[in-house]
């Protein structure tokens, strides 16, 4: 019985010692000055919408790096808010590692289409249908859509399924752009999508004829027919006399001079 009591007492003392040790070590850790900030930004190109220097400057100000602020005073919620308010950041996280460094990780949106409205203002659209504002500092090369698009410019992000955008033609333009991007030949030869009322036209490089796509019904089959035609007459003058190439008809292309 005595041995059992001593064993229980030993466990209690050991547990209490561990708790005290944890409290002291945590207190010491929280009083340690933050050593620095590391910002990892994931994007497919060297340049992008997110200004790394600007994000770092704000983060350093929040963390008061100049005055070696203690880890306990670091407001991670403010850092997360800073990242969350950036309309070009898709996802992000911020945490303090064991090396007393604040780690910021962010992924930048990668748009596949730029659309201009009738006011000549533009937005970008990602493959998943997220609408991202344009930036004066960065203009990536991609398919452009213009014409009779009437939509408001969002203050931050929006989605093509939102009520303000679902009937603007943006979802259809994205559908066409995604179909073009699936084929390297088409992606290299089609630079613009034009909205003409409820129909869509394509601007093909080095081709003066209007390419009438129509609506988005069977868009991949229509584009396949256009690809066959362009490949067949590539480097020739055969298509030069034509005014329009109409892809709306099944299994054929109607050409007019």
C-alpha atoms as a PDB file:
ATOM      1  CA  UNK A   1       0.000   0.000   0.000  1.00  0.00           C
ATOM      2  CA  UNK A   2       2.847   2.353   0.914  1.00  0.00           C
ATOM      3  CA  UNK A   3       4.606   1.588  -2.375  1.00  0.00           C
ATOM      4  CA  UNK A   4       1.438   2.396  -4.291  1.00  0.00           C
ATOM      5  CA  UNK A   5       1.079   5.732  -2.506  1.00  0.00           C
ATOM      6  CA  UNK A   6       4.750   6.597  -3.170  1.00  0.00           C
ATOM      7  CA  UNK A   7       4.342   5.689  -6.817  1.00  0.00           C
ATOM      8  CA  UNK A   8       1.278   7.938  -7.164  1.00  0.00           C
ATOM      9  CA  UNK A   9       3.073  10.743  -5.350  1.00  0.00           C
ATOM     10  CA  UNK A  10       6.058  10.387  -7.678  1.00  0.00           C
ATOM     11  CA  UNK A  11       3.802  10.655 -10.736  1.00  0.00           C
ATOM     12  CA  UNK A  12       2.078  13.718  -9.281  1.00  0.00           C
ATOM     13  CA  UNK A  13       5.410  15.426  -8.523  1.00  0.00           C
ATOM     14  CA  UNK A  14       6.757  14.561 -11.980  1.00  0.00           C
ATOM     15  CA  UNK A  15       3.610  15.888 -13.652  1.00  0.00           C
ATOM     16  CA  UNK A  16       3.729  19.089 -11.632  1.00  0.00           C
ATOM     17  CA  UNK A  17       7.403  19.560 -12.492  1.00  0.00           C
ATOM     18  CA  UNK A  18       6.654  19.137 -16.178  1.00  0.00           C
ATOM     19  CA  UNK A  19       3.818  21.680 -15.988  1.00  0.00           C
ATOM     20  CA  UNK A  20       6.085  24.197 -14.229  1.00  0.00           C
ATOM     21  CA  UNK A  21       8.833  23.551 -16.779  1.00  0.00           C
ATOM     22  CA  UNK A  22       6.378  24.066 -19.629  1.00  0.00           C
ATOM     23  CA  UNK A  23       5.093  27.326 -18.132  1.00  0.00           C
ATOM     24  CA  UNK A  24       8.606  28.707 -17.664  1.00  0.00           C
ATOM     25  CA  UNK A  25       9.770  27.596 -21.125  1.00  0.00           C
ATOM     26  CA  UNK A  26       6.669  29.101 -22.758  1.00  0.00           C
ATOM     27  CA  UNK A  27       7.155  32.347 -20.873  1.00  0.00           C
ATOM     28  CA  UNK A  28      10.790  32.452 -21.954  1.00  0.00           C
ATOM     29  CA  UNK A  29       9.768  31.710 -25.556  1.00  0.00           C
ATOM     30  CA  UNK A  30       7.116  34.444 -25.619  1.00  0.00           C
ATOM     31  CA  UNK A  31       9.617  36.960 -24.233  1.00  0.00           C
ATOM     32  CA  UNK A  32      12.087  36.142 -27.020  1.00  0.00           C
ATOM     33  CA  UNK A  33      12.424  38.857 -29.704  1.00  0.00           C
ATOM     34  CA  UNK A  34      11.218  37.946 -33.198  1.00  0.00           C
ATOM     35  CA  UNK A  35      14.324  37.297 -35.288  1.00  0.00           C
ATOM     36  CA  UNK A  36      12.865  38.012 -38.729  1.00  0.00           C
ATOM     37  CA  UNK A  37      10.207  37.385 -41.365  1.00  0.00           C
ATOM     38  CA  UNK A  38      10.330  34.937 -44.264  1.00  0.00           C
ATOM     39  CA  UNK A  39       7.837  35.398 -47.104  1.00  0.00           C
ATOM     40  CA  UNK A  40       7.308  32.519 -49.546  1.00  0.00           C
ATOM     41  CA  UNK A  41       5.122  33.441 -52.509  1.00  0.00           C
ATOM     42  CA  UNK A  42       3.931  30.725 -54.875  1.00  0.00           C
ATOM     43  CA  UNK A  43       3.354  31.798 -58.482  1.00  0.00           C
ATOM     44  CA  UNK A  44       4.230  30.524 -61.924  1.00  0.00           C
ATOM     45  CA  UNK A  45       6.274  33.547 -63.072  1.00  0.00           C
ATOM     46  CA  UNK A  46       9.024  35.696 -61.600  1.00  0.00           C
ATOM     47  CA  UNK A  47       6.769  38.754 -61.736  1.00  0.00           C
ATOM     48  CA  UNK A  48       3.163  38.949 -60.631  1.00  0.00           C
ATOM     49  CA  UNK A  49       0.357  40.968 -59.111  1.00  0.00           C
ATOM     50  CA  UNK A  50       1.512  40.695 -55.497  1.00  0.00           C
ATOM     51  CA  UNK A  51       4.182  43.207 -54.519  1.00  0.00           C
ATOM     52  CA  UNK A  52       6.421  41.193 -52.214  1.00  0.00           C
ATOM     53  CA  UNK A  53       8.272  44.251 -50.923  1.00  0.00           C
ATOM     54  CA  UNK A  54       5.004  45.965 -49.994  1.00  0.00           C
ATOM     55  CA  UNK A  55       3.681  42.915 -48.146  1.00  0.00           C
ATOM     56  CA  UNK A  56       6.997  42.587 -46.301  1.00  0.00           C
ATOM     57  CA  UNK A  57       7.002  46.275 -45.357  1.00  0.00           C
ATOM     58  CA  UNK A  58       3.509  46.036 -43.873  1.00  0.00           C
ATOM     59  CA  UNK A  59       4.340  42.793 -42.061  1.00  0.00           C
ATOM     60  CA  UNK A  60       7.524  44.318 -40.595  1.00  0.00           C
ATOM     61  CA  UNK A  61       5.541  47.329 -39.394  1.00  0.00           C
ATOM     62  CA  UNK A  62       2.890  45.116 -37.768  1.00  0.00           C
ATOM     63  CA  UNK A  63       5.597  43.035 -36.063  1.00  0.00           C
ATOM     64  CA  UNK A  64       7.686  46.107 -35.139  1.00  0.00           C
ATOM     65  CA  UNK A  65      10.844  44.401 -36.390  1.00  0.00           C
ATOM     66  CA  UNK A  66      12.925  47.565 -35.934  1.00  0.00           C
ATOM     67  CA  UNK A  67      12.395  47.503 -32.177  1.00  0.00           C
ATOM     68  CA  UNK A  68      12.811  43.724 -31.854  1.00  0.00           C
ATOM     69  CA  UNK A  69       9.287  43.120 -30.645  1.00  0.00           C
ATOM     70  CA  UNK A  70       8.673  40.097 -28.451  1.00  0.00           C
ATOM     71  CA  UNK A  71       6.952  37.051 -29.921  1.00  0.00           C
ATOM     72  CA  UNK A  72       4.091  37.525 -27.428  1.00  0.00           C
ATOM     73  CA  UNK A  73       3.255  40.903 -29.005  1.00  0.00           C
ATOM     74  CA  UNK A  74       3.036  39.656 -32.595  1.00  0.00           C
ATOM     75  CA  UNK A  75      -0.529  40.011 -33.854  1.00  0.00           C
ATOM     76  CA  UNK A  76      -0.960  37.062 -36.236  1.00  0.00           C
ATOM     77  CA  UNK A  77      -4.581  38.036 -36.843  1.00  0.00           C
ATOM     78  CA  UNK A  78      -3.424  41.341 -38.326  1.00  0.00           C
ATOM     79  CA  UNK A  79      -0.996  39.494 -40.586  1.00  0.00           C
ATOM     80  CA  UNK A  80      -3.757  37.155 -41.748  1.00  0.00           C
ATOM     81  CA  UNK A  81      -6.037  40.138 -42.381  1.00  0.00           C
ATOM     82  CA  UNK A  82      -3.281  41.828 -44.394  1.00  0.00           C
ATOM     83  CA  UNK A  83      -2.998  38.749 -46.611  1.00  0.00           C
ATOM     84  CA  UNK A  84      -6.754  38.153 -46.798  1.00  0.00           C
ATOM     85  CA  UNK A  85      -7.406  41.715 -47.978  1.00  0.00           C
ATOM     86  CA  UNK A  86      -5.047  41.314 -50.920  1.00  0.00           C
ATOM     87  CA  UNK A  87      -7.307  40.550 -53.921  1.00  0.00           C
ATOM     88  CA  UNK A  88      -4.490  38.796 -55.788  1.00  0.00           C
ATOM     89  CA  UNK A  89      -3.736  36.238 -53.057  1.00  0.00           C
ATOM     90  CA  UNK A  90      -5.650  32.977 -53.409  1.00  0.00           C
ATOM     91  CA  UNK A  91      -4.624  31.374 -50.113  1.00  0.00           C
ATOM     92  CA  UNK A  92      -2.228  32.178 -47.293  1.00  0.00           C
ATOM     93  CA  UNK A  93      -0.969  31.252 -43.842  1.00  0.00           C
ATOM     94  CA  UNK A  94       1.196  32.891 -41.177  1.00  0.00           C
ATOM     95  CA  UNK A  95       2.868  31.235 -38.205  1.00  0.00           C
ATOM     96  CA  UNK A  96       5.910  31.598 -35.967  1.00  0.00           C
ATOM     97  CA  UNK A  97       8.375  28.740 -36.334  1.00  0.00           C
ATOM     98  CA  UNK A  98      10.682  27.204 -33.744  1.00  0.00           C
ATOM     99  CA  UNK A  99      13.537  29.365 -35.011  1.00  0.00           C
ATOM    100  CA  UNK A 100      11.733  32.503 -33.748  1.00  0.00           C
ATOM    101  CA  UNK A 101      10.928  33.575 -37.320  1.00  0.00           C
ATOM    102  CA  UNK A 102       7.559  34.586 -38.698  1.00  0.00           C
ATOM    103  CA  UNK A 103       6.754  32.501 -41.765  1.00  0.00           C
ATOM    104  CA  UNK A 104       4.318  33.921 -44.306  1.00  0.00           C
ATOM    105  CA  UNK A 105       3.167  31.668 -47.129  1.00  0.00           C
ATOM    106  CA  UNK A 106       0.899  32.820 -49.932  1.00  0.00           C
ATOM    107  CA  UNK A 107      -0.320  31.568 -53.304  1.00  0.00           C
ATOM    108  CA  UNK A 108      -1.091  34.092 -56.035  1.00  0.00           C
ATOM    109  CA  UNK A 109      -4.098  33.792 -58.326  1.00  0.00           C
ATOM    110  CA  UNK A 110      -3.211  32.706 -61.852  1.00  0.00           C
ATOM    111  CA  UNK A 111      -5.717  34.105 -64.359  1.00  0.00           C
ATOM    112  CA  UNK A 112      -6.314  32.645 -67.830  1.00  0.00           C
ATOM    113  CA  UNK A 113      -8.402  35.444 -69.360  1.00  0.00           C
ATOM    114  CA  UNK A 114      -8.524  39.238 -69.339  1.00  0.00           C
ATOM    115  CA  UNK A 115     -11.888  40.853 -70.099  1.00  0.00           C
ATOM    116  CA  UNK A 116     -12.606  44.494 -70.930  1.00  0.00           C
ATOM    117  CA  UNK A 117     -16.063  45.944 -70.379  1.00  0.00           C
ATOM    118  CA  UNK A 118     -17.656  48.649 -72.515  1.00  0.00           C
ATOM    119  CA  UNK A 119     -16.055  51.308 -70.293  1.00  0.00           C
ATOM    120  CA  UNK A 120     -12.617  49.963 -71.313  1.00  0.00           C
ATOM    121  CA  UNK A 121     -11.928  48.748 -67.778  1.00  0.00           C
ATOM    122  CA  UNK A 122     -10.689  45.219 -67.287  1.00  0.00           C
ATOM    123  CA  UNK A 123     -10.636  42.297 -64.902  1.00  0.00           C
ATOM    124  CA  UNK A 124      -8.879  38.945 -64.944  1.00  0.00           C
ATOM    125  CA  UNK A 125     -10.597  35.586 -64.570  1.00  0.00           C
ATOM    126  CA  UNK A 126      -9.010  32.390 -63.228  1.00  0.00           C
ATOM    127  CA  UNK A 127      -9.733  28.925 -64.562  1.00  0.00           C
ATOM    128  CA  UNK A 128     -11.955  28.295 -61.525  1.00  0.00           C
ATOM    129  CA  UNK A 129     -14.058  31.375 -62.283  1.00  0.00           C
ATOM    130  CA  UNK A 130     -12.639  33.823 -59.747  1.00  0.00           C
ATOM    131  CA  UNK A 131     -12.694  37.440 -60.940  1.00  0.00           C
ATOM    132  CA  UNK A 132      -9.498  39.293 -60.008  1.00  0.00           C
ATOM    133  CA  UNK A 133      -8.926  43.046 -60.436  1.00  0.00           C
ATOM    134  CA  UNK A 134      -6.356  44.298 -62.923  1.00  0.00           C
ATOM    135  CA  UNK A 135      -3.146  45.949 -61.786  1.00  0.00           C
ATOM    136  CA  UNK A 136      -1.202  48.891 -63.266  1.00  0.00           C
ATOM    137  CA  UNK A 137       2.076  47.220 -62.330  1.00  0.00           C
ATOM    138  CA  UNK A 138       1.621  43.872 -64.059  1.00  0.00           C
ATOM    139  CA  UNK A 139      -0.090  42.762 -67.267  1.00  0.00           C
ATOM    140  CA  UNK A 140       0.483  39.061 -68.006  1.00  0.00           C
ATOM    141  CA  UNK A 141       0.141  37.879 -71.581  1.00  0.00           C
ATOM    142  CA  UNK A 142      -3.032  35.863 -72.164  1.00  0.00           C
ATOM    143  CA  UNK A 143      -6.226  35.699 -74.200  1.00  0.00           C
ATOM    144  CA  UNK A 144      -8.179  38.962 -74.184  1.00  0.00           C
ATOM    145  CA  UNK A 145     -11.948  39.309 -74.459  1.00  0.00           C
ATOM    146  CA  UNK A 146     -13.661  42.565 -75.362  1.00  0.00           C
ATOM    147  CA  UNK A 147     -16.735  43.889 -77.120  1.00  0.00           C
ATOM    148  CA  UNK A 148     -20.207  44.171 -75.630  1.00  0.00           C
ATOM    149  CA  UNK A 149     -19.374  43.097 -72.094  1.00  0.00           C
ATOM    150  CA  UNK A 150     -21.275  45.110 -69.496  1.00  0.00           C
ATOM    151  CA  UNK A 151     -20.200  44.382 -65.925  1.00  0.00           C
ATOM    152  CA  UNK A 152     -19.134  46.299 -62.801  1.00  0.00           C
ATOM    153  CA  UNK A 153     -15.537  46.234 -61.557  1.00  0.00           C
ATOM    154  CA  UNK A 154     -15.430  44.482 -58.164  1.00  0.00           C
ATOM    155  CA  UNK A 155     -13.665  46.168 -55.244  1.00  0.00           C
ATOM    156  CA  UNK A 156     -11.974  42.909 -54.374  1.00  0.00           C
ATOM    157  CA  UNK A 157     -12.719  39.444 -55.740  1.00  0.00           C
ATOM    158  CA  UNK A 158     -15.925  38.054 -57.206  1.00  0.00           C
ATOM    159  CA  UNK A 159     -17.039  34.885 -58.933  1.00  0.00           C
ATOM    160  CA  UNK A 160     -18.594  34.363 -62.348  1.00  0.00           C
ATOM    161  CA  UNK A 161     -21.502  32.612 -60.594  1.00  0.00           C
ATOM    162  CA  UNK A 162     -22.366  35.763 -58.614  1.00  0.00           C
ATOM    163  CA  UNK A 163     -25.658  37.375 -59.636  1.00  0.00           C
ATOM    164  CA  UNK A 164     -23.842  40.495 -60.902  1.00  0.00           C
ATOM    165  CA  UNK A 165     -21.739  38.484 -63.371  1.00  0.00           C
ATOM    166  CA  UNK A 166     -23.619  35.336 -64.323  1.00  0.00           C
ATOM    167  CA  UNK A 167     -25.439  37.014 -67.257  1.00  0.00           C
ATOM    168  CA  UNK A 168     -22.642  39.328 -68.423  1.00  0.00           C
ATOM    169  CA  UNK A 169     -21.008  36.976 -70.907  1.00  0.00           C
ATOM    170  CA  UNK A 170     -17.979  36.420 -68.676  1.00  0.00           C
ATOM    171  CA  UNK A 171     -18.834  32.727 -67.999  1.00  0.00           C
ATOM    172  CA  UNK A 172     -19.165  32.090 -71.747  1.00  0.00           C
ATOM    173  CA  UNK A 173     -15.904  33.904 -72.542  1.00  0.00           C
ATOM    174  CA  UNK A 174     -14.131  31.827 -69.901  1.00  0.00           C
ATOM    175  CA  UNK A 175     -15.579  28.627 -71.385  1.00  0.00           C
ATOM    176  CA  UNK A 176     -14.198  29.588 -74.802  1.00  0.00           C
ATOM    177  CA  UNK A 177     -10.812  30.617 -73.391  1.00  0.00           C
ATOM    178  CA  UNK A 178     -10.442  27.321 -71.524  1.00  0.00           C
ATOM    179  CA  UNK A 179     -11.261  25.359 -74.676  1.00  0.00           C
ATOM    180  CA  UNK A 180      -8.640  27.349 -76.622  1.00  0.00           C
ATOM    181  CA  UNK A 181      -6.008  26.810 -73.926  1.00  0.00           C
ATOM    182  CA  UNK A 182      -6.398  23.033 -74.164  1.00  0.00           C
ATOM    183  CA  UNK A 183      -4.731  23.075 -77.593  1.00  0.00           C
ATOM    184  CA  UNK A 184      -1.267  24.598 -78.038  1.00  0.00           C
ATOM    185  CA  UNK A 185      -1.860  25.351 -81.715  1.00  0.00           C
ATOM    186  CA  UNK A 186      -5.081  27.228 -81.049  1.00  0.00           C
ATOM    187  CA  UNK A 187      -3.617  29.010 -78.027  1.00  0.00           C
ATOM    188  CA  UNK A 188      -0.727  30.207 -80.189  1.00  0.00           C
ATOM    189  CA  UNK A 189      -2.984  31.486 -82.971  1.00  0.00           C
ATOM    190  CA  UNK A 190      -6.060  32.935 -81.252  1.00  0.00           C
ATOM    191  CA  UNK A 191      -5.405  36.144 -79.364  1.00  0.00           C
ATOM    192  CA  UNK A 192      -8.841  37.632 -78.745  1.00  0.00           C
ATOM    193  CA  UNK A 193     -12.470  36.784 -78.126  1.00  0.00           C
ATOM    194  CA  UNK A 194     -15.034  39.367 -79.224  1.00  0.00           C
ATOM    195  CA  UNK A 195     -18.606  39.504 -77.878  1.00  0.00           C
ATOM    196  CA  UNK A 196     -21.072  40.649 -80.512  1.00  0.00           C
ATOM    197  CA  UNK A 197     -24.445  40.743 -78.733  1.00  0.00           C
ATOM    198  CA  UNK A 198     -25.091  37.073 -77.849  1.00  0.00           C
ATOM    199  CA  UNK A 199     -22.523  35.655 -80.241  1.00  0.00           C
ATOM    200  CA  UNK A 200     -18.779  35.354 -79.979  1.00  0.00           C
ATOM    201  CA  UNK A 201     -16.101  35.886 -82.572  1.00  0.00           C
ATOM    202  CA  UNK A 202     -12.416  34.983 -82.576  1.00  0.00           C
ATOM    203  CA  UNK A 203      -9.486  37.091 -83.683  1.00  0.00           C
ATOM    204  CA  UNK A 204      -6.945  34.787 -85.344  1.00  0.00           C
ATOM    205  CA  UNK A 205      -3.375  35.959 -85.822  1.00  0.00           C
ATOM    206  CA  UNK A 206      -2.520  36.951 -89.425  1.00  0.00           C
ATOM    207  CA  UNK A 207      -6.099  36.371 -90.542  1.00  0.00           C
ATOM    208  CA  UNK A 208      -8.285  39.306 -91.615  1.00  0.00           C
ATOM    209  CA  UNK A 209     -11.513  37.305 -91.826  1.00  0.00           C
ATOM    210  CA  UNK A 210     -14.034  37.420 -88.990  1.00  0.00           C
ATOM    211  CA  UNK A 211     -14.207  34.005 -87.360  1.00  0.00           C
ATOM    212  CA  UNK A 212     -17.759  33.568 -86.075  1.00  0.00           C
ATOM    213  CA  UNK A 213     -17.866  31.019 -83.257  1.00  0.00           C
ATOM    214  CA  UNK A 214     -21.505  31.620 -82.287  1.00  0.00           C
ATOM    215  CA  UNK A 215     -22.469  30.488 -78.793  1.00  0.00           C
ATOM    216  CA  UNK A 216     -20.602  28.051 -76.547  1.00  0.00           C
ATOM    217  CA  UNK A 217     -22.533  24.981 -77.714  1.00  0.00           C
ATOM    218  CA  UNK A 218     -20.079  22.287 -78.879  1.00  0.00           C
ATOM    219  CA  UNK A 219     -17.285  24.857 -78.627  1.00  0.00           C
ATOM    220  CA  UNK A 220     -14.486  22.274 -78.693  1.00  0.00           C
ATOM    221  CA  UNK A 221     -15.808  20.665 -81.889  1.00  0.00           C
ATOM    222  CA  UNK A 222     -16.099  24.072 -83.562  1.00  0.00           C
ATOM    223  CA  UNK A 223     -12.558  24.959 -82.553  1.00  0.00           C
ATOM    224  CA  UNK A 224     -11.323  21.592 -83.848  1.00  0.00           C
ATOM    225  CA  UNK A 225     -12.766  22.393 -87.278  1.00  0.00           C
ATOM    226  CA  UNK A 226     -11.082  25.804 -87.194  1.00  0.00           C
ATOM    227  CA  UNK A 227      -7.768  24.175 -86.269  1.00  0.00           C
ATOM    228  CA  UNK A 228      -8.006  21.755 -89.191  1.00  0.00           C
ATOM    229  CA  UNK A 229      -8.673  24.627 -91.580  1.00  0.00           C
ATOM    230  CA  UNK A 230      -5.843  26.804 -90.258  1.00  0.00           C
ATOM    231  CA  UNK A 231      -3.353  23.923 -90.332  1.00  0.00           C
ATOM    232  CA  UNK A 232      -4.333  22.998 -93.889  1.00  0.00           C
ATOM    233  CA  UNK A 233      -3.852  26.506 -95.276  1.00  0.00           C
ATOM    234  CA  UNK A 234      -1.057  27.673 -93.006  1.00  0.00           C
ATOM    235  CA  UNK A 235       1.507  29.733 -94.919  1.00  0.00           C
ATOM    236  CA  UNK A 236      -0.735  30.159 -97.969  1.00  0.00           C
ATOM    237  CA  UNK A 237      -2.928  32.963 -99.319  1.00  0.00           C
ATOM    238  CA  UNK A 238      -6.005  30.720 -99.692  1.00  0.00           C
ATOM    239  CA  UNK A 239      -7.917  32.279 -96.774  1.00  0.00           C
ATOM    240  CA  UNK A 240      -7.077  35.872 -97.628  1.00  0.00           C
ATOM    241  CA  UNK A 241     -10.115  36.554 -99.899  1.00  0.00           C
ATOM    242  CA  UNK A 242     -12.655  35.484 -97.266  1.00  0.00           C
ATOM    243  CA  UNK A 243     -14.563  38.016 -95.178  1.00  0.00           C
ATOM    244  CA  UNK A 244     -16.048  35.579 -92.653  1.00  0.00           C
ATOM    245  CA  UNK A 245     -15.467  32.010 -91.480  1.00  0.00           C
ATOM    246  CA  UNK A 246     -18.603  30.755 -89.765  1.00  0.00           C
ATOM    247  CA  UNK A 247     -18.225  27.823 -87.346  1.00  0.00           C
ATOM    248  CA  UNK A 248     -21.841  27.689 -86.155  1.00  0.00           C
ATOM    249  CA  UNK A 249     -22.927  24.947 -88.550  1.00  0.00           C
ATOM    250  CA  UNK A 250     -22.490  21.268 -87.711  1.00  0.00           C
ATOM    251  CA  UNK A 251     -19.510  19.511 -89.308  1.00  0.00           C
ATOM    252  CA  UNK A 252     -18.717  22.393 -91.644  1.00  0.00           C
ATOM    253  CA  UNK A 253     -17.319  25.884 -91.942  1.00  0.00           C
ATOM    254  CA  UNK A 254     -19.271  28.342 -94.063  1.00  0.00           C
ATOM    255  CA  UNK A 255     -16.972  30.880 -95.696  1.00  0.00           C
ATOM    256  CA  UNK A 256     -18.062  34.102 -97.390  1.00  0.00           C
ATOM    257  CA  UNK A 257     -16.017  36.391 -99.584  1.00  0.00           C
END
